[in-house]
Amino acid sequence: MGRPVLFRAGARRDAHRALGVAAAPAPRVGIDPLLTAEEVAGLLQVSTAWVYAQTRAKRIPHVPLGRYVRYRRTAVIEWIADARAAIEQRSSSSDRGGLGDGG
């Protein structure tokens, strides 16, 4: 007699299929994932309407794919960092001036 099979190849996929859940693809190393507007909204903690408005105004980096639009995760994160740095720079330069015109 052979050993009992505790884990059969494809068992996880079969379990997901039985539940009606699509198995998530394994992330590829070195590939920047594309996000949907809903995923970007979750990342930024804003509404999807805001993400779409920023996309239409070409303020947020995006990748047009025909009638669809996707967002590169690293580009969105860099965009956030750049926007934050600009806001902090404006804030610190206005702090130096003090109130009024200094007179």
PDB file of N, CA and C in Angstrom:
ATOM      1  N   MET A   1       0.833  -1.184   0.000  1.00  0.00           N
ATOM      2  CA  MET A   1       0.000   0.000   0.000  1.00  0.00           C
ATOM      3  C   MET A   1       0.874   1.242   0.000  1.00  0.00           C
ATOM      4  N   GLY A   2       0.408   2.274  -0.711  1.00  0.00           N
ATOM      5  CA  GLY A   2       1.135   3.542  -0.748  1.00  0.00           C
ATOM      6  C   GLY A   2       0.666   4.464   0.358  1.00  0.00           C
ATOM      7  N   ARG A   3       1.358   5.514   0.503  1.00  0.00           N
ATOM      8  CA  ARG A   3       0.980   6.531   1.494  1.00  0.00           C
ATOM      9  C   ARG A   3      -0.288   7.249   1.042  1.00  0.00           C
ATOM     10  N   PRO A   4      -1.084   7.701   2.010  1.00  0.00           N
ATOM     11  CA  PRO A   4      -2.265   8.473   1.619  1.00  0.00           C
ATOM     12  C   PRO A   4      -1.835   9.847   1.080  1.00  0.00           C
ATOM     13  N   VAL A   5      -2.518  10.319   0.083  1.00  0.00           N
ATOM     14  CA  VAL A   5      -2.204  11.618  -0.510  1.00  0.00           C
ATOM     15  C   VAL A   5      -2.907  12.693   0.303  1.00  0.00           C
ATOM     16  N   LEU A   6      -2.112  13.545   0.947  1.00  0.00           N
ATOM     17  CA  LEU A   6      -2.676  14.611   1.757  1.00  0.00           C
ATOM     18  C   LEU A   6      -2.937  15.856   0.926  1.00  0.00           C
ATOM     19  N   PHE A   7      -2.128  16.049  -0.084  1.00  0.00           N
ATOM     20  CA  PHE A   7      -2.291  17.229  -0.923  1.00  0.00           C
ATOM     21  C   PHE A   7      -2.124  16.814  -2.364  1.00  0.00           C
ATOM     22  N   ARG A   8      -3.150  17.010  -3.118  1.00  0.00           N
ATOM     23  CA  ARG A   8      -3.123  16.638  -4.519  1.00  0.00           C
ATOM     24  C   ARG A   8      -2.945  17.904  -5.353  1.00  0.00           C
ATOM     25  N   ALA A   9      -2.175  17.818  -6.394  1.00  0.00           N
ATOM     26  CA  ALA A   9      -1.945  18.961  -7.269  1.00  0.00           C
ATOM     27  C   ALA A   9      -3.285  19.475  -7.778  1.00  0.00           C
ATOM     28  N   GLY A  10      -3.485  20.771  -7.689  1.00  0.00           N
ATOM     29  CA  GLY A  10      -4.735  21.369  -8.155  1.00  0.00           C
ATOM     30  C   GLY A  10      -5.851  21.359  -7.130  1.00  0.00           C
ATOM     31  N   ALA A  11      -5.598  20.840  -5.926  1.00  0.00           N
ATOM     32  CA  ALA A  11      -6.655  20.766  -4.913  1.00  0.00           C
ATOM     33  C   ALA A  11      -7.145  22.157  -4.525  1.00  0.00           C
ATOM     34  N   ARG A  12      -6.242  23.112  -4.437  1.00  0.00           N
ATOM     35  CA  ARG A  12      -6.628  24.468  -4.064  1.00  0.00           C
ATOM     36  C   ARG A  12      -7.509  25.085  -5.151  1.00  0.00           C
ATOM     37  N   ARG A  13      -7.114  24.874  -6.395  1.00  0.00           N
ATOM     38  CA  ARG A  13      -7.895  25.389  -7.512  1.00  0.00           C
ATOM     39  C   ARG A  13      -9.290  24.774  -7.507  1.00  0.00           C
ATOM     40  N   ASP A  14      -9.361  23.465  -7.244  1.00  0.00           N
ATOM     41  CA  ASP A  14     -10.652  22.783  -7.197  1.00  0.00           C
ATOM     42  C   ASP A  14     -11.523  23.326  -6.070  1.00  0.00           C
ATOM     43  N   ALA A  15     -10.921  23.626  -4.926  1.00  0.00           N
ATOM     44  CA  ALA A  15     -11.666  24.171  -3.790  1.00  0.00           C
ATOM     45  C   ALA A  15     -12.224  25.546  -4.137  1.00  0.00           C
ATOM     46  N   HIS A  16     -11.404  26.387  -4.788  1.00  0.00           N
ATOM     47  CA  HIS A  16     -11.872  27.714  -5.200  1.00  0.00           C
ATOM     48  C   HIS A  16     -13.003  27.588  -6.216  1.00  0.00           C
ATOM     49  N   ARG A  17     -12.856  26.661  -7.165  1.00  0.00           N
ATOM     50  CA  ARG A  17     -13.874  26.479  -8.192  1.00  0.00           C
ATOM     51  C   ARG A  17     -15.187  26.025  -7.563  1.00  0.00           C
ATOM     52  N   ALA A  18     -15.109  25.130  -6.570  1.00  0.00           N
ATOM     53  CA  ALA A  18     -16.310  24.634  -5.905  1.00  0.00           C
ATOM     54  C   ALA A  18     -17.042  25.757  -5.178  1.00  0.00           C
ATOM     55  N   LEU A  19     -16.291  26.738  -4.675  1.00  0.00           N
ATOM     56  CA  LEU A  19     -16.893  27.867  -3.967  1.00  0.00           C
ATOM     57  C   LEU A  19     -17.305  28.987  -4.917  1.00  0.00           C
ATOM     58  N   GLY A  20     -16.946  28.857  -6.189  1.00  0.00           N
ATOM     59  CA  GLY A  20     -17.266  29.910  -7.142  1.00  0.00           C
ATOM     60  C   GLY A  20     -16.343  31.099  -7.032  1.00  0.00           C
ATOM     61  N   VAL A  21     -15.150  30.884  -6.482  1.00  0.00           N
ATOM     62  CA  VAL A  21     -14.188  31.955  -6.288  1.00  0.00           C
ATOM     63  C   VAL A  21     -13.036  31.745  -7.252  1.00  0.00           C
ATOM     64  N   ALA A  22     -12.661  32.787  -7.945  1.00  0.00           N
ATOM     65  CA  ALA A  22     -11.518  32.691  -8.853  1.00  0.00           C
ATOM     66  C   ALA A  22     -10.237  32.778  -8.038  1.00  0.00           C
ATOM     67  N   ALA A  23      -9.333  31.868  -8.276  1.00  0.00           N
ATOM     68  CA  ALA A  23      -8.050  31.905  -7.583  1.00  0.00           C
ATOM     69  C   ALA A  23      -7.247  33.081  -8.101  1.00  0.00           C
ATOM     70  N   ALA A  24      -6.656  33.843  -7.193  1.00  0.00           N
ATOM     71  CA  ALA A  24      -5.846  34.994  -7.582  1.00  0.00           C
ATOM     72  C   ALA A  24      -4.555  34.519  -8.224  1.00  0.00           C
ATOM     73  N   PRO A  25      -4.163  35.154  -9.324  1.00  0.00           N
ATOM     74  CA  PRO A  25      -2.912  34.746  -9.953  1.00  0.00           C
ATOM     75  C   PRO A  25      -1.730  35.096  -9.062  1.00  0.00           C
ATOM     76  N   ALA A  26      -0.703  34.291  -9.141  1.00  0.00           N
ATOM     77  CA  ALA A  26       0.491  34.548  -8.336  1.00  0.00           C
ATOM     78  C   ALA A  26       1.162  35.819  -8.845  1.00  0.00           C
ATOM     79  N   PRO A  27       1.578  36.717  -7.932  1.00  0.00           N
ATOM     80  CA  PRO A  27       2.242  37.947  -8.375  1.00  0.00           C
ATOM     81  C   PRO A  27       3.577  37.624  -9.035  1.00  0.00           C
ATOM     82  N   ARG A  28       3.861  38.326 -10.107  1.00  0.00           N
ATOM     83  CA  ARG A  28       5.116  38.121 -10.816  1.00  0.00           C
ATOM     84  C   ARG A  28       6.140  39.118 -10.324  1.00  0.00           C
ATOM     85  N   VAL A  29       7.326  38.633 -10.101  1.00  0.00           N
ATOM     86  CA  VAL A  29       8.401  39.491  -9.620  1.00  0.00           C
ATOM     87  C   VAL A  29       8.846  40.387 -10.763  1.00  0.00           C
ATOM     88  N   GLY A  30       8.995  41.676 -10.476  1.00  0.00           N
ATOM     89  CA  GLY A  30       9.487  42.607 -11.469  1.00  0.00           C
ATOM     90  C   GLY A  30       8.419  43.195 -12.368  1.00  0.00           C
ATOM     91  N   ILE A  31       7.158  42.797 -12.197  1.00  0.00           N
ATOM     92  CA  ILE A  31       6.088  43.348 -13.020  1.00  0.00           C
ATOM     93  C   ILE A  31       5.228  44.262 -12.159  1.00  0.00           C
ATOM     94  N   ASP A  32       5.049  45.484 -12.639  1.00  0.00           N
ATOM     95  CA  ASP A  32       4.250  46.469 -11.924  1.00  0.00           C
ATOM     96  C   ASP A  32       2.776  46.181 -12.179  1.00  0.00           C
ATOM     97  N   PRO A  33       2.014  45.828 -11.151  1.00  0.00           N
ATOM     98  CA  PRO A  33       0.614  45.471 -11.382  1.00  0.00           C
ATOM     99  C   PRO A  33      -0.222  46.682 -11.794  1.00  0.00           C
ATOM    100  N   LEU A  34      -1.188  46.430 -12.658  1.00  0.00           N
ATOM    101  CA  LEU A  34      -2.142  47.461 -13.047  1.00  0.00           C
ATOM    102  C   LEU A  34      -3.338  47.386 -12.110  1.00  0.00           C
ATOM    103  N   LEU A  35      -3.791  48.536 -11.664  1.00  0.00           N
ATOM    104  CA  LEU A  35      -4.913  48.614 -10.732  1.00  0.00           C
ATOM    105  C   LEU A  35      -6.136  49.173 -11.428  1.00  0.00           C
ATOM    106  N   THR A  36      -7.292  48.808 -10.929  1.00  0.00           N
ATOM    107  CA  THR A  36      -8.547  49.395 -11.396  1.00  0.00           C
ATOM    108  C   THR A  36      -8.791  50.685 -10.625  1.00  0.00           C
ATOM    109  N   ALA A  37      -9.766  51.467 -11.081  1.00  0.00           N
ATOM    110  CA  ALA A  37     -10.113  52.704 -10.377  1.00  0.00           C
ATOM    111  C   ALA A  37     -10.578  52.402  -8.953  1.00  0.00           C
ATOM    112  N   GLU A  38     -11.281  51.290  -8.777  1.00  0.00           N
ATOM    113  CA  GLU A  38     -11.745  50.909  -7.442  1.00  0.00           C
ATOM    114  C   GLU A  38     -10.562  50.612  -6.521  1.00  0.00           C
ATOM    115  N   GLU A  39      -9.550  49.943  -7.046  1.00  0.00           N
ATOM    116  CA  GLU A  39      -8.372  49.621  -6.236  1.00  0.00           C
ATOM    117  C   GLU A  39      -7.582  50.880  -5.892  1.00  0.00           C
ATOM    118  N   VAL A  40      -7.483  51.816  -6.850  1.00  0.00           N
ATOM    119  CA  VAL A  40      -6.793  53.085  -6.584  1.00  0.00           C
ATOM    120  C   VAL A  40      -7.566  53.874  -5.531  1.00  0.00           C
ATOM    121  N   ALA A  41      -8.887  53.882  -5.648  1.00  0.00           N
ATOM    122  CA  ALA A  41      -9.715  54.584  -4.659  1.00  0.00           C
ATOM    123  C   ALA A  41      -9.481  54.007  -3.267  1.00  0.00           C
ATOM    124  N   GLY A  42      -9.389  52.698  -3.166  1.00  0.00           N
ATOM    125  CA  GLY A  42      -9.106  52.074  -1.876  1.00  0.00           C
ATOM    126  C   GLY A  42      -7.726  52.432  -1.364  1.00  0.00           C
ATOM    127  N   LEU A  43      -6.754  52.465  -2.259  1.00  0.00           N
ATOM    128  CA  LEU A  43      -5.380  52.809  -1.883  1.00  0.00           C
ATOM    129  C   LEU A  43      -5.303  54.241  -1.370  1.00  0.00           C
ATOM    130  N   LEU A  44      -6.024  55.156  -2.034  1.00  0.00           N
ATOM    131  CA  LEU A  44      -5.987  56.571  -1.662  1.00  0.00           C
ATOM    132  C   LEU A  44      -7.045  56.951  -0.632  1.00  0.00           C
ATOM    133  N   GLN A  45      -7.951  56.028  -0.353  1.00  0.00           N
ATOM    134  CA  GLN A  45      -9.067  56.263   0.570  1.00  0.00           C
ATOM    135  C   GLN A  45      -9.930  57.436   0.108  1.00  0.00           C
ATOM    136  N   VAL A  46     -10.297  57.380  -1.178  1.00  0.00           N
ATOM    137  CA  VAL A  46     -11.190  58.361  -1.780  1.00  0.00           C
ATOM    138  C   VAL A  46     -12.263  57.589  -2.554  1.00  0.00           C
ATOM    139  N   SER A  47     -13.216  58.307  -3.120  1.00  0.00           N
ATOM    140  CA  SER A  47     -14.262  57.637  -3.895  1.00  0.00           C
ATOM    141  C   SER A  47     -13.763  57.339  -5.307  1.00  0.00           C
ATOM    142  N   THR A  48     -14.411  56.376  -5.950  1.00  0.00           N
ATOM    143  CA  THR A  48     -14.044  56.067  -7.332  1.00  0.00           C
ATOM    144  C   THR A  48     -14.393  57.243  -8.240  1.00  0.00           C
ATOM    145  N   ALA A  49     -15.431  58.006  -7.896  1.00  0.00           N
ATOM    146  CA  ALA A  49     -15.792  59.194  -8.688  1.00  0.00           C
ATOM    147  C   ALA A  49     -14.631  60.188  -8.698  1.00  0.00           C
ATOM    148  N   TRP A  50     -13.964  60.348  -7.552  1.00  0.00           N
ATOM    149  CA  TRP A  50     -12.810  61.260  -7.477  1.00  0.00           C
ATOM    150  C   TRP A  50     -11.683  60.757  -8.375  1.00  0.00           C
ATOM    151  N   VAL A  51     -11.431  59.451  -8.343  1.00  0.00           N
ATOM    152  CA  VAL A  51     -10.370  58.869  -9.179  1.00  0.00           C
ATOM    153  C   VAL A  51     -10.689  59.105 -10.649  1.00  0.00           C
ATOM    154  N   TYR A  52     -11.931  58.855 -11.061  1.00  0.00           N
ATOM    155  CA  TYR A  52     -12.312  59.071 -12.454  1.00  0.00           C
ATOM    156  C   TYR A  52     -12.209  60.553 -12.838  1.00  0.00           C
ATOM    157  N   ALA A  53     -12.585  61.459 -11.938  1.00  0.00           N
ATOM    158  CA  ALA A  53     -12.483  62.899 -12.221  1.00  0.00           C
ATOM    159  C   ALA A  53     -11.027  63.311 -12.411  1.00  0.00           C
ATOM    160  N   GLN A  54     -10.142  62.810 -11.547  1.00  0.00           N
ATOM    161  CA  GLN A  54      -8.716  63.115 -11.677  1.00  0.00           C
ATOM    162  C   GLN A  54      -8.143  62.534 -12.967  1.00  0.00           C
ATOM    163  N   THR A  55      -8.661  61.381 -13.362  1.00  0.00           N
ATOM    164  CA  THR A  55      -8.220  60.741 -14.601  1.00  0.00           C
ATOM    165  C   THR A  55      -8.647  61.577 -15.802  1.00  0.00           C
ATOM    166  N   ARG A  56      -9.905  62.011 -15.823  1.00  0.00           N
ATOM    167  CA  ARG A  56     -10.398  62.840 -16.936  1.00  0.00           C
ATOM    168  C   ARG A  56      -9.614  64.148 -17.037  1.00  0.00           C
ATOM    169  N   ALA A  57      -9.242  64.710 -15.884  1.00  0.00           N
ATOM    170  CA  ALA A  57      -8.478  65.958 -15.855  1.00  0.00           C
ATOM    171  C   ALA A  57      -6.987  65.724 -16.111  1.00  0.00           C
ATOM    172  N   LYS A  58      -6.604  64.464 -16.286  1.00  0.00           N
ATOM    173  CA  LYS A  58      -5.210  64.059 -16.530  1.00  0.00           C
ATOM    174  C   LYS A  58      -4.275  64.510 -15.404  1.00  0.00           C
ATOM    175  N   ARG A  59      -4.787  64.445 -14.182  1.00  0.00           N
ATOM    176  CA  ARG A  59      -3.972  64.796 -13.015  1.00  0.00           C
ATOM    177  C   ARG A  59      -3.318  63.584 -12.379  1.00  0.00           C
ATOM    178  N   ILE A  60      -3.902  62.418 -12.576  1.00  0.00           N
ATOM    179  CA  ILE A  60      -3.368  61.194 -11.976  1.00  0.00           C
ATOM    180  C   ILE A  60      -2.811  60.328 -13.109  1.00  0.00           C
ATOM    181  N   PRO A  61      -1.643  59.711 -12.902  1.00  0.00           N
ATOM    182  CA  PRO A  61      -1.079  58.883 -13.982  1.00  0.00           C
ATOM    183  C   PRO A  61      -1.952  57.657 -14.237  1.00  0.00           C
ATOM    184  N   HIS A  62      -2.222  57.400 -15.510  1.00  0.00           N
ATOM    185  CA  HIS A  62      -3.077  56.276 -15.877  1.00  0.00           C
ATOM    186  C   HIS A  62      -2.652  55.705 -17.218  1.00  0.00           C
ATOM    187  N   VAL A  63      -3.145  54.516 -17.485  1.00  0.00           N
ATOM    188  CA  VAL A  63      -2.855  53.810 -18.729  1.00  0.00           C
ATOM    189  C   VAL A  63      -4.178  53.557 -19.437  1.00  0.00           C
ATOM    190  N   PRO A  64      -4.440  54.255 -20.549  1.00  0.00           N
ATOM    191  CA  PRO A  64      -5.674  53.981 -21.274  1.00  0.00           C
ATOM    192  C   PRO A  64      -5.552  52.676 -22.057  1.00  0.00           C
ATOM    193  N   LEU A  65      -6.552  51.831 -21.928  1.00  0.00           N
ATOM    194  CA  LEU A  65      -6.600  50.549 -22.642  1.00  0.00           C
ATOM    195  C   LEU A  65      -7.925  50.481 -23.391  1.00  0.00           C
ATOM    196  N   GLY A  66      -7.987  51.168 -24.509  1.00  0.00           N
ATOM    197  CA  GLY A  66      -9.251  51.232 -25.238  1.00  0.00           C
ATOM    198  C   GLY A  66     -10.281  51.985 -24.427  1.00  0.00           C
ATOM    199  N   ARG A  67     -11.398  51.341 -24.148  1.00  0.00           N
ATOM    200  CA  ARG A  67     -12.429  51.998 -23.338  1.00  0.00           C
ATOM    201  C   ARG A  67     -12.182  51.847 -21.841  1.00  0.00           C
ATOM    202  N   TYR A  68     -11.149  51.110 -21.492  1.00  0.00           N
ATOM    203  CA  TYR A  68     -10.805  50.893 -20.085  1.00  0.00           C
ATOM    204  C   TYR A  68      -9.629  51.768 -19.694  1.00  0.00           C
ATOM    205  N   VAL A  69      -9.477  51.962 -18.410  1.00  0.00           N
ATOM    206  CA  VAL A  69      -8.322  52.699 -17.905  1.00  0.00           C
ATOM    207  C   VAL A  69      -7.785  51.938 -16.696  1.00  0.00           C
ATOM    208  N   ARG A  70      -6.489  51.857 -16.612  1.00  0.00           N
ATOM    209  CA  ARG A  70      -5.830  51.193 -15.485  1.00  0.00           C
ATOM    210  C   ARG A  70      -4.735  52.111 -14.967  1.00  0.00           C
ATOM    211  N   TYR A  71      -4.228  51.785 -13.799  1.00  0.00           N
ATOM    212  CA  TYR A  71      -3.262  52.626 -13.114  1.00  0.00           C
ATOM    213  C   TYR A  71      -2.092  51.755 -12.661  1.00  0.00           C
ATOM    214  N   ARG A  72      -0.872  52.164 -12.980  1.00  0.00           N
ATOM    215  CA  ARG A  72       0.304  51.439 -12.496  1.00  0.00           C
ATOM    216  C   ARG A  72       0.501  51.782 -11.028  1.00  0.00           C
ATOM    217  N   ARG A  73       0.621  50.759 -10.219  1.00  0.00           N
ATOM    218  CA  ARG A  73       0.728  50.949  -8.770  1.00  0.00           C
ATOM    219  C   ARG A  73       1.897  51.861  -8.401  1.00  0.00           C
ATOM    220  N   THR A  74       3.070  51.600  -8.967  1.00  0.00           N
ATOM    221  CA  THR A  74       4.238  52.417  -8.607  1.00  0.00           C
ATOM    222  C   THR A  74       4.058  53.866  -9.071  1.00  0.00           C
ATOM    223  N   ALA A  75       3.425  54.083 -10.223  1.00  0.00           N
ATOM    224  CA  ALA A  75       3.209  55.447 -10.710  1.00  0.00           C
ATOM    225  C   ALA A  75       2.270  56.207  -9.777  1.00  0.00           C
ATOM    226  N   VAL A  76       1.230  55.535  -9.284  1.00  0.00           N
ATOM    227  CA  VAL A  76       0.292  56.179  -8.367  1.00  0.00           C
ATOM    228  C   VAL A  76       0.997  56.508  -7.050  1.00  0.00           C
ATOM    229  N   ILE A  77       1.802  55.601  -6.553  1.00  0.00           N
ATOM    230  CA  ILE A  77       2.511  55.844  -5.289  1.00  0.00           C
ATOM    231  C   ILE A  77       3.511  56.990  -5.448  1.00  0.00           C
ATOM    232  N   GLU A  78       4.219  57.038  -6.576  1.00  0.00           N
ATOM    233  CA  GLU A  78       5.142  58.154  -6.829  1.00  0.00           C
ATOM    234  C   GLU A  78       4.384  59.467  -6.949  1.00  0.00           C
ATOM    235  N   TRP A  79       3.213  59.438  -7.600  1.00  0.00           N
ATOM    236  CA  TRP A  79       2.388  60.628  -7.751  1.00  0.00           C
ATOM    237  C   TRP A  79       1.958  61.158  -6.380  1.00  0.00           C
ATOM    238  N   ILE A  80       1.596  60.245  -5.491  1.00  0.00           N
ATOM    239  CA  ILE A  80       1.222  60.639  -4.125  1.00  0.00           C
ATOM    240  C   ILE A  80       2.404  61.296  -3.428  1.00  0.00           C
ATOM    241  N   ALA A  81       3.576  60.691  -3.541  1.00  0.00           N
ATOM    242  CA  ALA A  81       4.778  61.228  -2.888  1.00  0.00           C
ATOM    243  C   ALA A  81       5.123  62.611  -3.435  1.00  0.00           C
ATOM    244  N   ASP A  82       5.026  62.797  -4.756  1.00  0.00           N
ATOM    245  CA  ASP A  82       5.323  64.100  -5.360  1.00  0.00           C
ATOM    246  C   ASP A  82       4.321  65.155  -4.903  1.00  0.00           C
ATOM    247  N   ALA A  83       3.041  64.793  -4.867  1.00  0.00           N
ATOM    248  CA  ALA A  83       2.009  65.738  -4.430  1.00  0.00           C
ATOM    249  C   ALA A  83       2.213  66.116  -2.969  1.00  0.00           C
ATOM    250  N   ARG A  84       2.553  65.140  -2.166  1.00  0.00           N
ATOM    251  CA  ARG A  84       2.782  65.396  -0.745  1.00  0.00           C
ATOM    252  C   ARG A  84       3.980  66.321  -0.541  1.00  0.00           C
ATOM    253  N   ALA A  85       5.062  66.076  -1.289  1.00  0.00           N
ATOM    254  CA  ALA A  85       6.261  66.915  -1.179  1.00  0.00           C
ATOM    255  C   ALA A  85       5.941  68.349  -1.594  1.00  0.00           C
ATOM    256  N   ALA A  86       5.145  68.527  -2.654  1.00  0.00           N
ATOM    257  CA  ALA A  86       4.787  69.869  -3.108  1.00  0.00           C
ATOM    258  C   ALA A  86       3.956  70.592  -2.056  1.00  0.00           C
ATOM    259  N   ILE A  87       3.022  69.882  -1.447  1.00  0.00           N
ATOM    260  CA  ILE A  87       2.178  70.487  -0.408  1.00  0.00           C
ATOM    261  C   ILE A  87       3.026  70.867   0.801  1.00  0.00           C
ATOM    262  N   GLU A  88       3.910  69.969   1.204  1.00  0.00           N
ATOM    263  CA  GLU A  88       4.765  70.251   2.362  1.00  0.00           C
ATOM    264  C   GLU A  88       5.704  71.415   2.072  1.00  0.00           C
ATOM    265  N   GLN A  89       6.194  71.520   0.829  1.00  0.00           N
ATOM    266  CA  GLN A  89       7.089  72.615   0.467  1.00  0.00           C
ATOM    267  C   GLN A  89       6.339  73.944   0.504  1.00  0.00           C
ATOM    268  N   ARG A  90       5.119  73.970  -0.033  1.00  0.00           N
ATOM    269  CA  ARG A  90       4.313  75.197   0.012  1.00  0.00           C
ATOM    270  C   ARG A  90       3.994  75.576   1.442  1.00  0.00           C
ATOM    271  N   SER A  91       3.695  74.573   2.263  1.00  0.00           N
ATOM    272  CA  SER A  91       3.348  74.816   3.655  1.00  0.00           C
ATOM    273  C   SER A  91       4.528  75.416   4.412  1.00  0.00           C
ATOM    274  N   SER A  92       5.727  74.863   4.210  1.00  0.00           N
ATOM    275  CA  SER A  92       6.892  75.359   4.932  1.00  0.00           C
ATOM    276  C   SER A  92       7.316  76.718   4.429  1.00  0.00           C
ATOM    277  N   SER A  93       7.139  77.038   3.145  1.00  0.00           N
ATOM    278  CA  SER A  93       7.517  78.351   2.639  1.00  0.00           C
ATOM    279  C   SER A  93       6.542  79.404   3.125  1.00  0.00           C
ATOM    280  N   SER A  94       5.261  79.073   3.317  1.00  0.00           N
ATOM    281  CA  SER A  94       4.314  80.042   3.838  1.00  0.00           C
ATOM    282  C   SER A  94       4.511  80.253   5.323  1.00  0.00           C
ATOM    283  N   ASP A  95       5.042  79.249   6.024  1.00  0.00           N
ATOM    284  CA  ASP A  95       5.335  79.383   7.452  1.00  0.00           C
ATOM    285  C   ASP A  95       6.474  80.379   7.689  1.00  0.00           C
ATOM    286  N   ARG A  96       7.437  80.428   6.776  1.00  0.00           N
ATOM    287  CA  ARG A  96       8.581  81.314   6.932  1.00  0.00           C
ATOM    288  C   ARG A  96       8.177  82.776   6.818  1.00  0.00           C
ATOM    289  N   GLY A  97       7.167  83.058   6.012  1.00  0.00           N
ATOM    290  CA  GLY A  97       6.759  84.437   5.787  1.00  0.00           C
ATOM    291  C   GLY A  97       6.035  85.042   6.974  1.00  0.00           C
ATOM    292  N   GLY A  98       5.488  84.221   7.820  1.00  0.00           N
ATOM    293  CA  GLY A  98       4.755  84.724   8.977  1.00  0.00           C
ATOM    294  C   GLY A  98       3.411  85.291   8.554  1.00  0.00           C
ATOM    295  N   LEU A  99       2.781  86.061   9.417  1.00  0.00           N
ATOM    296  CA  LEU A  99       1.470  86.648   9.133  1.00  0.00           C
ATOM    297  C   LEU A  99       1.654  88.002   8.483  1.00  0.00           C
ATOM    298  N   GLY A 100       0.715  88.361   7.628  1.00  0.00           N
ATOM    299  CA  GLY A 100       0.780  89.660   6.973  1.00  0.00           C
ATOM    300  C   GLY A 100       1.951  89.744   6.018  1.00  0.00           C
ATOM    301  N   ASP A 101       2.430  90.984   5.759  1.00  0.00           N
ATOM    302  CA  ASP A 101       3.566  91.130   4.866  1.00  0.00           C
ATOM    303  C   ASP A 101       4.848  91.429   5.625  1.00  0.00           C
ATOM    304  N   GLY A 102       4.906  91.072   6.860  1.00  0.00           N
ATOM    305  CA  GLY A 102       6.136  91.134   7.643  1.00  0.00           C
ATOM    306  C   GLY A 102       6.498  92.510   8.139  1.00  0.00           C
ATOM    307  N   GLY A 103       5.612  93.479   7.968  1.00  0.00           N
ATOM    308  CA  GLY A 103       5.971  94.846   8.317  1.00  0.00           C
ATOM    309  C   GLY A 103       5.424  95.269   9.587  1.00  0.00           C
TER     310      GLY A 103
END
